[in-house]
N, C-alpha and C. Protein backbone atom coordinates (compact mmCIF):
# COMPACT_ATOMS: atom_id res chain seq x y z
N MET A 1 394.48 163.07 85.32
CA MET A 1 393.51 162.34 86.08
C MET A 1 393.86 162.40 87.56
N SER A 2 392.85 162.67 88.41
CA SER A 2 393.12 162.78 89.84
C SER A 2 393.15 161.40 90.50
N LYS A 3 393.89 161.36 91.57
CA LYS A 3 393.99 160.11 92.31
C LYS A 3 392.68 159.83 93.02
N ARG A 4 392.36 158.58 93.09
CA ARG A 4 391.16 158.14 93.80
C ARG A 4 391.40 158.23 95.30
N LYS A 5 390.44 158.84 96.03
CA LYS A 5 390.59 158.93 97.47
C LYS A 5 390.31 157.58 98.09
N THR A 6 391.08 157.27 99.10
CA THR A 6 390.84 156.01 99.80
C THR A 6 389.65 156.17 100.74
N MET A 7 388.82 155.18 100.71
CA MET A 7 387.62 155.18 101.55
C MET A 7 387.98 154.67 102.94
N PRO A 8 387.33 155.20 103.95
CA PRO A 8 387.59 154.66 105.29
C PRO A 8 387.04 153.23 105.38
N ARG A 9 387.60 152.51 106.31
CA ARG A 9 387.15 151.12 106.50
C ARG A 9 385.67 151.12 106.92
N PRO A 10 384.90 150.16 106.44
CA PRO A 10 383.50 150.09 106.84
C PRO A 10 383.40 149.79 108.35
N LEU A 11 382.35 150.32 108.94
CA LEU A 11 382.11 150.09 110.36
C LEU A 11 381.15 148.92 110.54
N ALA A 12 381.34 148.21 111.61
CA ALA A 12 380.40 147.13 111.95
C ALA A 12 379.08 147.76 112.37
N VAL A 13 377.99 147.09 112.06
CA VAL A 13 376.66 147.58 112.41
C VAL A 13 376.57 147.80 113.93
N LYS A 14 377.16 146.91 114.69
CA LYS A 14 377.17 147.02 116.15
C LYS A 14 377.78 148.36 116.58
N ASP A 15 378.87 148.76 115.94
CA ASP A 15 379.53 150.01 116.29
C ASP A 15 378.67 151.22 115.94
N VAL A 16 377.97 151.14 114.82
CA VAL A 16 377.09 152.24 114.42
C VAL A 16 375.95 152.37 115.42
N LEU A 17 375.33 151.24 115.78
CA LEU A 17 374.21 151.27 116.72
C LEU A 17 374.64 151.76 118.10
N GLN A 18 375.82 151.39 118.53
CA GLN A 18 376.30 151.86 119.82
C GLN A 18 376.43 153.37 119.83
N GLY A 19 376.75 153.96 118.70
CA GLY A 19 376.83 155.41 118.61
C GLY A 19 375.48 156.09 118.61
N LEU A 20 374.44 155.36 118.21
CA LEU A 20 373.10 155.93 118.13
C LEU A 20 372.28 155.72 119.40
N LEU A 21 372.49 154.60 120.06
CA LEU A 21 371.67 154.25 121.22
C LEU A 21 372.40 154.54 122.52
N ARG A 22 371.64 154.97 123.50
CA ARG A 22 372.20 155.17 124.84
C ARG A 22 372.36 153.81 125.51
N PRO A 23 373.21 153.71 126.53
CA PRO A 23 373.45 152.41 127.17
C PRO A 23 372.17 151.72 127.66
N GLY A 24 371.22 152.42 128.22
CA GLY A 24 370.00 151.81 128.73
C GLY A 24 369.08 151.30 127.64
N ASP A 25 369.24 151.83 126.41
CA ASP A 25 368.38 151.42 125.31
C ASP A 25 368.56 149.95 124.95
N TRP A 26 369.77 149.44 125.07
CA TRP A 26 370.04 148.04 124.73
C TRP A 26 369.23 147.12 125.63
N GLN A 27 369.22 147.44 126.93
CA GLN A 27 368.48 146.60 127.87
C GLN A 27 366.98 146.64 127.56
N LEU A 28 366.47 147.82 127.24
CA LEU A 28 365.06 147.97 126.91
C LEU A 28 364.71 147.19 125.65
N LEU A 29 365.55 147.27 124.64
CA LEU A 29 365.30 146.51 123.41
C LEU A 29 365.33 145.01 123.66
N GLU A 30 366.26 144.56 124.48
CA GLU A 30 366.35 143.14 124.81
C GLU A 30 365.12 142.69 125.59
N GLN A 31 364.67 143.51 126.53
CA GLN A 31 363.49 143.18 127.31
C GLN A 31 362.25 143.08 126.41
N ARG A 32 362.10 144.01 125.51
CA ARG A 32 360.95 143.98 124.58
C ARG A 32 361.02 142.77 123.66
N ARG A 33 362.21 142.38 123.25
CA ARG A 33 362.36 141.19 122.42
C ARG A 33 361.92 139.95 123.19
N ARG A 34 362.34 139.85 124.44
CA ARG A 34 361.97 138.70 125.26
C ARG A 34 360.47 138.68 125.54
N ILE A 35 359.86 139.85 125.76
CA ILE A 35 358.41 139.91 125.96
C ILE A 35 357.69 139.41 124.73
N ARG A 36 358.14 139.83 123.55
CA ARG A 36 357.52 139.38 122.29
C ARG A 36 357.65 137.87 122.14
N GLU A 37 358.80 137.31 122.47
CA GLU A 37 358.99 135.86 122.37
C GLU A 37 357.99 135.11 123.25
N VAL A 38 357.85 135.56 124.49
CA VAL A 38 356.92 134.91 125.41
C VAL A 38 355.49 135.05 124.88
N TRP A 39 355.13 136.25 124.44
CA TRP A 39 353.80 136.50 123.90
C TRP A 39 353.49 135.53 122.75
N GLU A 40 354.42 135.38 121.84
CA GLU A 40 354.20 134.54 120.67
C GLU A 40 354.13 133.06 121.02
N ARG A 41 354.74 132.65 122.13
CA ARG A 41 354.65 131.26 122.57
C ARG A 41 353.34 130.97 123.29
N VAL A 42 352.86 131.93 124.07
CA VAL A 42 351.68 131.70 124.91
C VAL A 42 350.38 131.88 124.15
N VAL A 43 350.31 132.88 123.28
CA VAL A 43 349.06 133.20 122.58
C VAL A 43 348.94 132.29 121.35
N PRO A 44 347.77 131.66 121.17
CA PRO A 44 347.57 130.80 120.00
C PRO A 44 347.71 131.59 118.69
N PRO A 45 348.18 130.93 117.64
CA PRO A 45 348.37 131.62 116.35
C PRO A 45 347.11 132.30 115.83
N SER A 46 345.95 131.72 116.08
CA SER A 46 344.71 132.34 115.60
C SER A 46 344.49 133.71 116.25
N LEU A 47 344.93 133.88 117.48
CA LEU A 47 344.80 135.17 118.16
C LEU A 47 345.95 136.11 117.83
N LEU A 48 347.12 135.57 117.54
CA LEU A 48 348.27 136.41 117.18
C LEU A 48 347.96 137.25 115.94
N ALA A 49 347.21 136.66 115.03
CA ALA A 49 346.88 137.37 113.78
C ALA A 49 345.99 138.58 114.02
N HIS A 50 345.32 138.62 115.16
CA HIS A 50 344.37 139.71 115.46
C HIS A 50 344.87 140.64 116.56
N SER A 51 346.11 140.47 116.97
CA SER A 51 346.64 141.31 118.05
C SER A 51 348.04 141.79 117.71
N GLN A 52 348.40 142.90 118.35
CA GLN A 52 349.73 143.49 118.12
C GLN A 52 350.20 144.13 119.42
N LEU A 53 351.42 143.79 119.84
CA LEU A 53 352.00 144.44 121.01
C LEU A 53 352.24 145.90 120.67
N VAL A 54 351.76 146.78 121.54
CA VAL A 54 351.85 148.21 121.25
C VAL A 54 352.92 148.88 122.11
N ASP A 55 352.89 148.63 123.42
CA ASP A 55 353.80 149.35 124.30
C ASP A 55 353.93 148.64 125.64
N LEU A 56 354.96 148.98 126.37
CA LEU A 56 355.13 148.56 127.75
C LEU A 56 355.28 149.84 128.57
N ARG A 57 354.22 150.18 129.32
CA ARG A 57 354.21 151.41 130.12
C ARG A 57 353.92 151.06 131.58
N ARG A 58 354.76 151.55 132.46
CA ARG A 58 354.58 151.33 133.89
C ARG A 58 354.30 149.86 134.20
N ARG A 59 355.08 148.99 133.59
CA ARG A 59 355.01 147.55 133.77
C ARG A 59 353.69 146.94 133.30
N GLU A 60 352.96 147.68 132.47
CA GLU A 60 351.73 147.17 131.86
C GLU A 60 351.99 146.97 130.37
N LEU A 61 351.65 145.79 129.88
CA LEU A 61 351.81 145.48 128.47
C LEU A 61 350.52 145.87 127.75
N TRP A 62 350.62 146.79 126.81
CA TRP A 62 349.46 147.26 126.05
C TRP A 62 349.43 146.52 124.72
N VAL A 63 348.25 145.97 124.41
CA VAL A 63 348.07 145.17 123.22
C VAL A 63 346.89 145.72 122.42
N GLY A 64 347.12 146.01 121.16
CA GLY A 64 346.05 146.42 120.26
C GLY A 64 345.41 145.18 119.66
N VAL A 65 344.09 145.14 119.65
CA VAL A 65 343.36 143.98 119.16
C VAL A 65 342.36 144.46 118.10
N SER A 66 342.17 143.68 117.06
CA SER A 66 341.37 144.13 115.92
C SER A 66 339.88 144.25 116.20
N ALA A 67 339.33 143.48 117.14
CA ALA A 67 337.89 143.55 117.42
C ALA A 67 337.60 143.04 118.84
N SER A 68 336.49 143.45 119.38
CA SER A 68 336.16 143.11 120.77
C SER A 68 336.03 141.60 121.04
N PRO A 69 335.54 140.77 120.12
CA PRO A 69 335.52 139.33 120.43
C PRO A 69 336.92 138.76 120.70
N TRP A 70 337.92 139.30 120.01
CA TRP A 70 339.29 138.84 120.23
C TRP A 70 339.80 139.32 121.58
N VAL A 71 339.36 140.50 122.01
CA VAL A 71 339.73 141.00 123.35
C VAL A 71 339.23 140.03 124.40
N GLN A 72 337.98 139.58 124.24
CA GLN A 72 337.40 138.66 125.20
C GLN A 72 338.20 137.35 125.25
N GLU A 73 338.57 136.83 124.09
CA GLU A 73 339.38 135.60 124.06
C GLU A 73 340.72 135.81 124.78
N LEU A 74 341.35 136.95 124.54
CA LEU A 74 342.63 137.23 125.18
C LEU A 74 342.47 137.44 126.68
N GLN A 75 341.34 137.99 127.11
CA GLN A 75 341.08 138.16 128.55
C GLN A 75 341.09 136.80 129.25
N PHE A 76 340.55 135.77 128.59
CA PHE A 76 340.56 134.43 129.18
C PHE A 76 341.99 133.91 129.33
N LEU A 77 342.87 134.30 128.43
CA LEU A 77 344.27 133.86 128.48
C LEU A 77 345.14 134.72 129.39
N LYS A 78 344.63 135.84 129.85
CA LYS A 78 345.43 136.80 130.60
C LYS A 78 346.17 136.18 131.80
N PRO A 79 345.52 135.36 132.64
CA PRO A 79 346.28 134.76 133.75
C PRO A 79 347.44 133.89 133.28
N ARG A 80 347.23 133.14 132.22
CA ARG A 80 348.30 132.30 131.68
C ARG A 80 349.42 133.14 131.10
N ILE A 81 349.06 134.23 130.42
CA ILE A 81 350.06 135.13 129.83
C ILE A 81 350.91 135.74 130.95
N LEU A 82 350.26 136.26 131.98
CA LEU A 82 350.99 136.91 133.08
C LEU A 82 351.87 135.90 133.82
N ALA A 83 351.36 134.69 134.03
CA ALA A 83 352.15 133.66 134.73
C ALA A 83 353.40 133.31 133.93
N GLN A 84 353.26 133.18 132.63
CA GLN A 84 354.41 132.83 131.79
C GLN A 84 355.41 133.99 131.72
N MET A 85 354.89 135.22 131.66
CA MET A 85 355.78 136.40 131.67
C MET A 85 356.59 136.43 132.97
N ALA A 86 355.92 136.20 134.09
CA ALA A 86 356.61 136.22 135.39
C ALA A 86 357.64 135.10 135.47
N LYS A 87 357.30 133.94 134.94
CA LYS A 87 358.21 132.80 134.98
C LYS A 87 359.47 133.05 134.16
N GLU A 88 359.30 133.59 132.96
CA GLU A 88 360.44 133.74 132.05
C GLU A 88 361.18 135.07 132.19
N LEU A 89 360.48 136.12 132.59
CA LEU A 89 361.11 137.44 132.67
C LEU A 89 361.42 137.88 134.09
N GLY A 90 360.78 137.21 135.05
CA GLY A 90 360.91 137.60 136.44
C GLY A 90 359.65 138.33 136.89
N SER A 91 359.31 138.15 138.14
CA SER A 91 358.09 138.80 138.63
C SER A 91 358.29 140.31 138.67
N GLY A 92 357.26 141.03 138.31
CA GLY A 92 357.31 142.48 138.34
C GLY A 92 357.70 143.15 137.04
N VAL A 93 358.16 142.39 136.05
CA VAL A 93 358.51 143.01 134.76
C VAL A 93 357.23 143.40 134.03
N VAL A 94 356.28 142.47 133.96
CA VAL A 94 354.95 142.75 133.39
C VAL A 94 353.95 142.37 134.46
N VAL A 95 353.23 143.37 135.00
CA VAL A 95 352.28 143.10 136.08
C VAL A 95 350.83 143.07 135.60
N ASP A 96 350.58 143.57 134.38
CA ASP A 96 349.22 143.55 133.85
C ASP A 96 349.29 143.61 132.32
N VAL A 97 348.22 143.14 131.70
CA VAL A 97 348.09 143.23 130.25
C VAL A 97 346.80 144.00 129.99
N ARG A 98 346.90 145.05 129.19
CA ARG A 98 345.75 145.89 128.84
C ARG A 98 345.48 145.73 127.35
N PHE A 99 344.21 145.51 127.03
CA PHE A 99 343.81 145.34 125.65
C PHE A 99 343.01 146.53 125.19
N THR A 100 343.30 147.01 123.98
CA THR A 100 342.56 148.11 123.39
C THR A 100 342.14 147.72 121.98
N ILE A 101 340.98 148.23 121.58
CA ILE A 101 340.51 147.97 120.23
C ILE A 101 341.32 148.85 119.29
N GLY A 102 341.85 148.26 118.24
CA GLY A 102 342.72 148.97 117.31
C GLY A 102 344.11 148.35 117.40
N ARG A 103 344.79 148.30 116.31
CA ARG A 103 346.07 147.61 116.27
C ARG A 103 347.24 148.48 116.69
N GLY A 104 347.00 149.73 117.00
CA GLY A 104 348.10 150.60 117.41
C GLY A 104 348.95 151.09 116.25
N ASP A 105 348.44 150.96 115.03
CA ASP A 105 349.20 151.36 113.84
C ASP A 105 349.30 152.86 113.74
């Protein structure tokens, strides 16, 4: 009977992710997490069910919305959303919110 090979020690998930992600990726992931938190606090739950954050491009937050009536509702909230983003993330992180029909799936 052959001897059992010893397995290497398991790696922490943090160590594995550090090997996969570049240094700037961590900051981007953290920024997107914070944007999502603010979004979920500012937007009423009834509208959250009909919208999905799609992307952050050139400091514009792109949001997919299931139908045009929901876009109109979110347009009314846009000044409040931008003000809260600026307050919590700093001015200039998100300068505009763009809504598109479709969830971005």
